[in-house]
Amino acid sequence: MFAAERRQLILEMVRANGAVSLRELARVVQTSEVTVRRDVRALEAEGLLDRRHGGAVLPGGFTRESGFPQKSHLATAEKTAIADLAAGFVEEGEAIVVGAGTTTQELARRLARVPGLTVVTNSLLVAQALAHANRVEVVMTGGTLRGSNYALVGSGAEQSLQGLRVSRAFLSGSGLTAERGLSTSNMLSASVDRALVQAAGEVVVLADHTKLGSDTMFQTVPTDVITRLVTDEPPGHDDRAATELQALADQGVQIAVAGGPATGRGPGQPGMEGGAGDRRGPRRDVPLPGQRRSHAPGGGGGGPQLRSAAPLSEASGGRVADLAPRRR
């Protein structure tokens, strides 16, 4: 297949699916991932698509939502590291809500080991991951099945969440910016996610670095409602993700970064301090949502100095780091 033919086929796949992994592109056009990466780079230079870590997406800030098969092949290592870290924030005997998504599905697999946990979810994939966890109670919302992401949506799902109160919500989405917060491409999914947020005392967003700086149509969680972002360390050349992380921290969001070396500063990330330990080790105190913006320690003008979050298992090869707001 000539280069022009390959690139036309790559474009057609991205336009049809919204996002496609390099692995899948290489399989369809029957060439190596190195060649496909070169083709994607050339198409991006022409403004025909945008590169993402491990794949390609439609160009422009407002991206359309891809289906579960495509999402499941994007940034898989990053999602695993994020799920490992996020699981450390869940205590025994807690009641939480977990939204739909491939990253939250990874989280659910790790929550199966937390005794006495109650998980409320609208995701069939999350429920399936916990189905055989005999120490975890799973409560599913009602609603209409949305097949593209195996989630229950609509008025039935939203009504089943009325009157519910849990300690925290774990949500994912299609994009995350400091200006608008978490967003998604589907109106029905956005409505259910907003209902999940209303039921929770804290909101934890799980988003790999490819979603940082991306904006989609429907806002689900405004930035000032997000308690913590759990993400992976952006590559050194990804200035957009690094800038977005700092902007989120400046607005009071606690940033927990998975992956990278056990100590030291991340590339382009001022104020990052890492530390690793056993998952069951002592927890560090972190501000509650209502405290983090109104009770800055010492009355400093630059907002709270964020401390290290919950320890991360050394076996995962990751680290925990919090990004402090810049002093102005």
Foldseek 3Di string as FASTA:
>chain_A
DDLVVLLVVLLVVQVVFQKAFLVVSCVVVVHDSVSSVVSQVVCVVVVQWADFQRIIGGDDQATADGFPVRQCRHPVLFLLQLLLVVLLVDAAQFEEEEEFDNSSLSNLLVCLPRANYEYEYQAPSSCVSNVPSVRYHYHYFAADADPRGRGHWDPRRLVSLPPAAGAEYEYEEQAAALQFGGFHADPRSLVNLLSSLVRHQAYEYEDELRRYSHDHDGGRDGLLRHAEYRYEADPLVCVRSQVRLQSSQQSQHWYWYKADAQADDGRSAPPKGKHADASPDDFDDFDGSVCQAPPAPPPAPRGHAGDWGGHGHVVSRIITITGHHDRD
